Amino acid sequence: MAGAGVSSPGASKTPLRSPSSALPLLGAERWEGRALSGSSPCPPTGQWLLASSAWREGPHSLHLLVTTGALGLVLGHPFDTVKVRLQTQNTYRGIVDCMVKTYRHESLLGFFKGMSFPIASIAVVNSVLFGVYSNTLLVLTATSHQERRAQPPSYTHVFIAGCTGGFLQAYCLAPFDLIKVRLQNQTEPRAQPGSPPPQYRGPVHCAASIFQEEGPRGLFRGAWALTLRDTPTLGIYFATYEWLCRQSTPDGQNPSSATVLVAGGFAGITSWVTATPLDVIKSRMQMAGLKQREYQGMLDCMVSSARQEGLGVFFRGLTINSARAFPVNAVTFLSYEYLLHSWG
């Protein structure tokens, strides 16, 4: 489920750029509640700690945010493809079987289907999430960032701000996520002479086809499940991250790089545990009407899935999501630090 913070606006010398700091990213800005995740339940792309700083620092930090976010997406997308296929198809016996069959039938490129739209939309999606989160926290606490250094917000405020950001992010993310899932479920190998073409030739053709065949509402198929997944999950994520950092850091000190990575990783795992059941429902509703039955709504999807495949179906993809969260978070932070010191 889901970067690093930077310095407060207007500071001439920021702790972010101090080469002596182990993890200056979080420095005095830690209590903004930013967090790091493997992917978006939810945090669809994993750049939560980076985003609100980019809003304050301008184009340079936004460039860092997008670059680091894109790197996290590239590293995490193959895992996401396997997760989506396990949730929506019954042809695989497990994670390894899905990976082997995808590689044999589609080559390595099969793991990266549907990746272009998430990369293209990362700046917009993250900007919405972190902008709304940061401003909601500002309204709730009535304190500036500098004041929050000494007076960190309550977990309730962090949770509410995270939920607010998650709700509005999900609305913006829905069409992009739908297209990603549809493309990830195309199991055809690369086009060969004489072979039938896949249903969708790319993200733009996919969007146009859905609009033409299913109408404007078709682009928001599964949007309510996505909203119900992300709204509480992002609140839980931010609150968990804050709690872990505060528990591991003495008062008046900044968290170490190890603390931040461990806290972000475990917060990501926690968020995916809560998000996975609705993530399964979301993915199945997004594929409804194509290779599987049309559902009458979320409740119908839940009941039908449970009757046919048992309650365990609601946790498909949890293992691979949890395994993805930690390394993606670590790479995100390391990449951000490297880029920051290289360009700073």
Protein backbone atom coordinates (compact mmCIF):
# COMPACT_ATOMS: atom_id res chain seq x y z
CA MET A 1 0.00 0.00 0.00
CA ALA A 2 1.73 2.92 -1.17
CA GLY A 3 8.10 8.13 -0.72
CA ALA A 4 9.76 10.53 1.56
CA GLY A 5 9.14 13.93 2.97
CA VAL A 6 11.31 16.96 2.50
CA SER A 7 11.97 20.26 4.16
CA SER A 8 9.50 22.88 5.22
CA PRO A 9 8.80 25.70 2.77
CA GLY A 10 10.97 28.73 2.89
CA ALA A 11 13.85 27.13 4.76
CA SER A 12 17.17 28.29 3.37
CA LYS A 13 19.09 25.34 4.76
CA THR A 14 17.03 22.22 5.08
CA PRO A 15 17.85 19.05 7.00
CA LEU A 16 16.80 17.17 3.88
CA ARG A 17 20.00 18.06 2.10
CA SER A 18 22.38 17.46 4.97
CA PRO A 19 24.84 14.74 3.95
CA SER A 20 25.42 13.79 7.57
CA SER A 21 21.84 12.71 8.18
CA ALA A 22 21.11 9.02 7.82
CA LEU A 23 17.61 9.69 6.56
CA PRO A 24 17.05 13.44 6.30
CA LEU A 25 13.91 12.87 4.30
CA LEU A 26 11.80 12.42 7.38
CA GLY A 27 13.74 14.90 9.51
CA ALA A 28 11.52 17.49 11.08
CA GLU A 29 8.79 16.73 8.58
CA ARG A 30 8.08 13.25 9.88
CA TRP A 31 4.90 14.18 11.65
CA GLU A 32 3.18 15.04 8.40
CA GLY A 33 2.19 11.39 8.56
CA ARG A 34 3.65 10.50 5.21
CA ALA A 35 4.25 6.83 4.66
CA LEU A 36 5.72 4.35 2.28
CA SER A 37 3.96 1.49 0.67
CA GLY A 38 4.36 -1.24 -1.88
CA SER A 39 1.68 -0.30 -4.06
CA SER A 40 -1.51 1.36 -3.96
CA PRO A 41 -4.22 -0.54 -2.26
CA CYS A 42 -3.97 1.16 -2.02
CA PRO A 43 -1.58 2.94 -2.30
CA PRO A 44 -1.47 1.99 -5.66
CA THR A 45 2.17 3.12 -6.36
CA GLY A 46 3.99 3.28 -3.06
CA GLN A 47 5.21 6.86 -2.89
CA TRP A 48 3.28 8.13 0.12
CA LEU A 49 6.16 9.71 1.97
CA LEU A 50 7.33 11.66 -1.04
CA ALA A 51 4.20 13.37 -2.06
CA SER A 52 3.26 16.16 0.28
CA SER A 53 6.83 17.42 0.15
CA ALA A 54 6.60 17.66 -3.63
CA TRP A 55 3.55 19.87 -3.26
CA ARG A 56 5.57 22.27 -1.13
CA GLU A 57 8.93 22.14 -2.83
CA GLY A 58 7.80 22.64 -6.41
CA PRO A 59 9.03 21.15 -9.73
CA HIS A 60 12.35 19.81 -8.42
CA SER A 61 10.75 17.65 -5.73
CA LEU A 62 7.88 16.72 -8.05
CA HIS A 63 10.48 15.46 -10.51
CA LEU A 64 12.01 13.35 -7.75
CA LEU A 65 8.56 12.08 -6.77
CA VAL A 66 7.63 11.02 -10.30
CA THR A 67 11.02 9.45 -11.00
CA THR A 68 11.07 7.46 -7.78
CA GLY A 69 7.42 6.52 -8.16
CA ALA A 70 8.03 5.24 -11.68
CA LEU A 71 10.93 3.12 -10.45
CA GLY A 72 8.77 1.63 -7.71
CA LEU A 73 6.07 0.85 -10.27
CA VAL A 74 8.47 -0.90 -12.62
CA LEU A 75 9.81 -3.06 -9.80
CA GLY A 76 6.41 -3.84 -8.32
CA HIS A 77 4.25 -4.23 -11.43
CA PRO A 78 5.18 -7.87 -12.19
CA PHE A 79 4.00 -8.83 -8.70
CA ASP A 80 0.81 -6.84 -9.23
CA THR A 81 0.14 -8.65 -12.52
CA VAL A 82 0.45 -12.04 -10.81
CA LYS A 83 -1.82 -10.83 -8.00
CA VAL A 84 -4.51 -9.63 -10.40
CA ARG A 85 -4.48 -12.88 -12.37
CA LEU A 86 -4.74 -14.98 -9.22
CA GLN A 87 -7.72 -12.92 -8.07
CA THR A 88 -9.64 -12.99 -11.35
CA GLN A 89 -8.72 -16.31 -12.99
CA ASN A 90 -9.05 -19.90 -11.82
CA THR A 91 -6.45 -21.40 -14.16
CA TYR A 92 -3.50 -21.11 -11.77
CA ARG A 93 -2.61 -23.36 -8.84
CA GLY A 94 -0.69 -20.64 -7.03
CA ILE A 95 1.89 -17.88 -7.30
CA VAL A 96 4.68 -19.99 -8.77
CA ASP A 97 2.38 -21.67 -11.29
CA CYS A 98 1.09 -18.27 -12.43
CA MET A 99 4.60 -16.89 -12.82
CA VAL A 100 5.84 -19.93 -14.75
CA LYS A 101 2.88 -20.01 -17.12
CA THR A 102 3.03 -16.27 -17.73
CA TYR A 103 6.73 -16.44 -18.55
CA ARG A 104 6.41 -19.49 -20.82
CA HIS A 105 3.39 -18.18 -22.71
CA GLU A 106 4.08 -14.45 -22.81
CA SER A 107 7.79 -14.00 -21.96
CA LEU A 108 8.94 -11.38 -19.46
CA LEU A 109 6.81 -8.77 -21.21
CA GLY A 110 3.70 -10.53 -19.93
CA PHE A 111 4.49 -9.34 -16.41
CA PHE A 112 4.48 -5.70 -17.51
CA LYS A 113 1.13 -5.56 -19.28
CA GLY A 114 -0.96 -2.56 -18.28
CA MET A 115 1.96 -0.62 -16.79
CA SER A 116 1.90 2.45 -19.03
CA PHE A 117 -1.22 4.09 -17.60
CA PRO A 118 -0.11 3.79 -13.95
CA ILE A 119 3.21 5.42 -14.82
CA ALA A 120 1.48 8.17 -16.78
CA SER A 121 -0.97 8.86 -13.95
CA ILE A 122 1.34 8.60 -10.96
CA ALA A 123 1.88 12.35 -10.60
CA VAL A 124 -1.85 13.11 -10.68
CA VAL A 125 -2.87 10.29 -8.35
CA ASN A 126 -0.16 10.98 -5.78
CA SER A 127 -0.74 14.72 -5.93
CA VAL A 128 -4.41 14.22 -5.14
CA LEU A 129 -3.67 11.80 -2.30
CA PHE A 130 -0.94 13.78 -0.59
CA GLY A 131 -2.34 17.19 -1.27
CA VAL A 132 -5.71 16.26 0.24
CA TYR A 133 -4.05 14.40 3.11
CA SER A 134 -1.72 17.26 4.02
CA ASN A 135 -4.42 19.92 3.79
CA THR A 136 -6.93 17.83 5.74
CA LEU A 137 -4.37 17.36 8.49
CA LEU A 138 -3.75 21.11 8.46
CA VAL A 139 -7.47 21.79 8.94
CA LEU A 140 -7.87 19.19 11.67
CA THR A 141 -4.84 20.21 13.72
CA ALA A 142 -4.83 23.97 13.01
CA THR A 143 -1.05 23.83 13.21
CA SER A 144 1.69 24.35 10.65
CA HIS A 145 4.33 21.84 9.88
CA GLN A 146 6.87 23.59 12.09
CA GLU A 147 4.48 23.51 15.05
CA ARG A 148 3.74 19.84 14.40
CA ARG A 149 7.39 19.01 15.00
CA ALA A 150 6.83 19.56 18.71
CA GLN A 151 3.11 18.71 18.67
CA PRO A 152 2.54 15.67 16.44
CA PRO A 153 -1.08 15.16 15.40
CA SER A 154 -3.22 12.58 17.13
CA TYR A 155 -3.69 9.18 15.52
CA THR A 156 -7.36 10.01 15.02
CA HIS A 157 -6.44 13.07 12.95
CA VAL A 158 -3.90 11.07 10.98
CA PHE A 159 -6.50 8.38 10.31
CA ILE A 160 -9.18 10.85 9.21
CA ALA A 161 -6.77 12.71 6.93
CA GLY A 162 -5.62 9.43 5.39
CA CYS A 163 -9.21 8.31 4.80
CA THR A 164 -10.05 11.63 3.16
CA GLY A 165 -7.07 11.40 0.84
CA GLY A 166 -7.85 7.77 0.05
CA PHE A 167 -11.48 8.53 -0.81
CA LEU A 168 -10.65 11.26 -3.32
CA GLN A 169 -7.68 9.38 -4.74
CA ALA A 170 -9.85 6.36 -5.46
CA TYR A 171 -12.26 8.48 -7.49
CA CYS A 172 -9.42 9.76 -9.69
CA LEU A 173 -7.74 6.36 -9.87
CA ALA A 174 -10.76 4.26 -10.87
CA PRO A 175 -10.58 4.51 -14.70
CA PHE A 176 -6.78 4.05 -14.73
CA ASP A 177 -7.02 1.03 -12.45
CA LEU A 178 -9.77 -0.53 -14.57
CA ILE A 179 -7.69 -0.25 -17.74
CA LYS A 180 -4.64 -1.67 -15.95
CA VAL A 181 -6.58 -4.71 -14.72
CA ARG A 182 -8.14 -5.38 -18.13
CA LEU A 183 -4.73 -5.28 -19.83
CA GLN A 184 -3.08 -7.42 -17.15
CA ASN A 185 -5.67 -10.13 -17.76
CA GLN A 186 -4.85 -10.43 -21.44
CA THR A 187 -2.90 -13.67 -21.58
CA GLU A 188 -2.26 -13.71 -25.31
CA PRO A 189 1.42 -13.91 -26.28
CA ARG A 190 3.04 -11.25 -28.41
CA ALA A 191 1.33 -10.97 -31.80
CA GLN A 192 2.66 -13.41 -34.38
CA PRO A 193 1.91 -13.36 -38.12
CA GLY A 194 -1.50 -14.94 -38.65
CA SER A 195 -2.39 -15.07 -34.96
CA PRO A 196 -5.57 -13.34 -33.74
CA PRO A 197 -4.92 -9.95 -32.14
CA PRO A 198 -5.69 -9.41 -28.44
CA GLN A 199 -8.95 -7.74 -27.51
CA TYR A 200 -7.15 -4.55 -26.49
CA ARG A 201 -4.17 -3.24 -28.46
CA GLY A 202 -3.06 -0.87 -25.70
CA PRO A 203 -4.36 1.42 -22.95
CA VAL A 204 -5.89 4.02 -25.27
CA HIS A 205 -7.64 1.37 -27.35
CA CYS A 206 -8.80 -0.31 -24.14
CA ALA A 207 -10.28 2.95 -22.82
CA ALA A 208 -11.97 3.71 -26.15
CA SER A 209 -13.39 0.17 -26.42
CA ILE A 210 -14.80 0.24 -22.89
CA PHE A 211 -16.35 3.66 -23.50
CA GLN A 212 -17.89 2.49 -26.77
CA GLU A 213 -19.14 -0.89 -25.54
CA GLU A 214 -20.07 -0.13 -21.94
CA GLY A 215 -20.61 3.62 -21.94
CA PRO A 216 -19.04 6.21 -19.61
CA ARG A 217 -20.11 4.22 -16.54
CA GLY A 218 -18.06 1.31 -17.81
CA LEU A 219 -14.86 3.21 -17.05
CA PHE A 220 -15.90 3.32 -13.40
CA ARG A 221 -16.74 -0.37 -13.09
CA GLY A 222 -15.58 -1.50 -9.65
CA ALA A 223 -15.11 2.09 -8.46
CA TRP A 224 -17.19 1.65 -5.29
CA ALA A 225 -15.18 -1.40 -4.29
CA LEU A 226 -11.99 0.57 -4.95
CA THR A 227 -13.27 3.47 -2.84
CA LEU A 228 -14.26 1.19 0.04
CA ARG A 229 -10.86 -0.48 -0.21
CA ASP A 230 -8.75 2.67 -0.20
CA THR A 231 -10.68 4.92 2.19
CA PRO A 232 -10.15 3.04 5.46
CA THR A 233 -6.97 1.33 4.29
CA LEU A 234 -5.04 4.55 3.77
CA GLY A 235 -6.19 5.81 7.15
CA ILE A 236 -4.95 2.59 8.75
CA TYR A 237 -1.72 2.81 6.79
CA PHE A 238 -0.82 6.33 7.86
CA ALA A 239 -1.79 5.69 11.49
CA THR A 240 0.19 2.44 11.63
CA TYR A 241 3.24 4.07 10.12
CA GLU A 242 3.09 6.95 12.61
CA TRP A 243 2.66 4.60 15.56
CA LEU A 244 5.60 2.42 14.56
CA CYS A 245 7.88 5.41 14.02
CA ARG A 246 6.93 7.02 17.33
CA GLN A 247 7.38 3.78 19.24
CA SER A 248 10.87 3.28 17.78
CA THR A 249 12.15 6.85 18.06
CA PRO A 250 13.10 8.67 21.30
CA ASP A 251 11.26 11.91 21.93
CA GLY A 252 12.85 14.87 20.21
CA GLN A 253 14.79 12.74 17.73
CA ASN A 254 14.23 11.88 14.10
CA PRO A 255 13.68 8.25 13.06
CA SER A 256 16.65 6.45 11.56
CA SER A 257 16.61 5.08 8.05
CA ALA A 258 16.16 1.56 9.43
CA THR A 259 13.19 2.68 11.52
CA VAL A 260 11.53 4.33 8.54
CA LEU A 261 12.00 1.34 6.27
CA VAL A 262 10.75 -1.16 8.85
CA ALA A 263 7.80 1.03 9.83
CA GLY A 264 6.85 1.66 6.21
CA GLY A 265 7.13 -2.01 5.32
CA PHE A 266 5.02 -3.28 8.21
CA ALA A 267 2.47 -0.52 7.70
CA GLY A 268 2.21 -1.62 4.07
CA ILE A 269 1.65 -5.23 5.07
CA THR A 270 -0.96 -4.20 7.63
CA SER A 271 -2.83 -2.14 5.06
CA TRP A 272 -2.86 -5.00 2.54
CA VAL A 273 -4.26 -7.42 5.11
CA THR A 274 -7.25 -5.12 5.52
CA ALA A 275 -7.49 -4.22 1.82
CA THR A 276 -7.19 -7.62 0.12
CA PRO A 277 -10.83 -8.84 0.43
CA LEU A 278 -12.18 -5.71 -1.27
CA ASP A 279 -9.25 -5.76 -3.70
CA VAL A 280 -10.43 -9.19 -4.87
CA ILE A 281 -14.00 -7.93 -5.27
CA LYS A 282 -12.79 -4.84 -7.12
CA SER A 283 -10.72 -6.83 -9.59
CA ARG A 284 -13.52 -9.29 -10.28
CA MET A 285 -16.07 -6.57 -10.85
CA GLN A 286 -13.67 -4.81 -13.21
CA MET A 287 -13.44 -7.97 -15.29
CA ALA A 288 -17.18 -8.69 -15.12
CA GLY A 289 -18.84 -9.16 -18.49
CA LEU A 290 -15.67 -10.28 -20.27
CA LYS A 291 -14.31 -13.67 -19.26
CA GLN A 292 -16.62 -14.19 -16.32
CA ARG A 293 -20.19 -13.57 -15.28
CA GLU A 294 -21.74 -10.14 -14.89
CA TYR A 295 -22.33 -9.25 -11.24
CA GLN A 296 -25.33 -7.26 -10.03
CA GLY A 297 -23.19 -5.40 -7.52
CA MET A 298 -20.57 -5.82 -4.82
CA LEU A 299 -22.77 -7.94 -2.58
CA ASP A 300 -23.63 -10.29 -5.45
CA CYS A 301 -19.93 -10.59 -6.30
CA MET A 302 -19.03 -11.37 -2.69
CA VAL A 303 -21.76 -13.97 -2.23
CA SER A 304 -21.13 -15.67 -5.57
CA SER A 305 -17.37 -15.81 -5.03
CA ALA A 306 -17.74 -17.24 -1.52
CA ARG A 307 -20.28 -19.87 -2.60
CA GLN A 308 -18.21 -21.07 -5.53
CA GLU A 309 -14.68 -20.85 -4.11
CA GLY A 310 -14.97 -20.55 -0.34
CA LEU A 311 -13.95 -17.73 2.00
CA GLY A 312 -10.29 -18.17 1.12
CA VAL A 313 -10.94 -16.50 -2.22
CA PHE A 314 -11.04 -13.12 -0.48
CA PHE A 315 -7.38 -13.39 0.46
CA ARG A 316 -5.98 -14.29 -2.93
CA GLY A 317 -2.95 -12.16 -3.66
CA LEU A 318 -2.27 -11.30 -0.01
CA THR A 319 1.01 -13.23 0.12
CA ILE A 320 2.48 -11.67 -2.99
CA ASN A 321 1.26 -8.20 -1.99
CA SER A 322 2.90 -8.53 1.41
CA ALA A 323 6.11 -9.83 -0.13
CA ARG A 324 6.12 -6.90 -2.55
CA ALA A 325 5.57 -4.20 0.06
CA PHE A 326 8.88 -4.33 1.86
CA PRO A 327 11.35 -4.38 -1.05
CA VAL A 328 9.44 -1.76 -3.02
CA ASN A 329 9.44 0.53 0.00
CA ALA A 330 13.15 0.05 0.53
CA VAL A 331 13.97 0.72 -3.11
CA THR A 332 11.76 3.80 -3.08
CA PHE A 333 13.64 5.34 -0.17
CA LEU A 334 17.07 4.38 -1.44
CA SER A 335 16.26 5.71 -4.89
CA TYR A 336 14.95 8.98 -3.49
CA GLU A 337 18.10 9.49 -1.41
CA TYR A 338 20.36 8.69 -4.34
CA LEU A 339 18.52 11.04 -6.68
CA LEU A 340 18.35 13.77 -4.07
CA HIS A 341 22.08 13.77 -3.33
CA SER A 342 22.96 13.38 -7.01
CA TRP A 343 20.88 16.38 -8.08
CA GLY A 344 21.07 18.42 -4.91
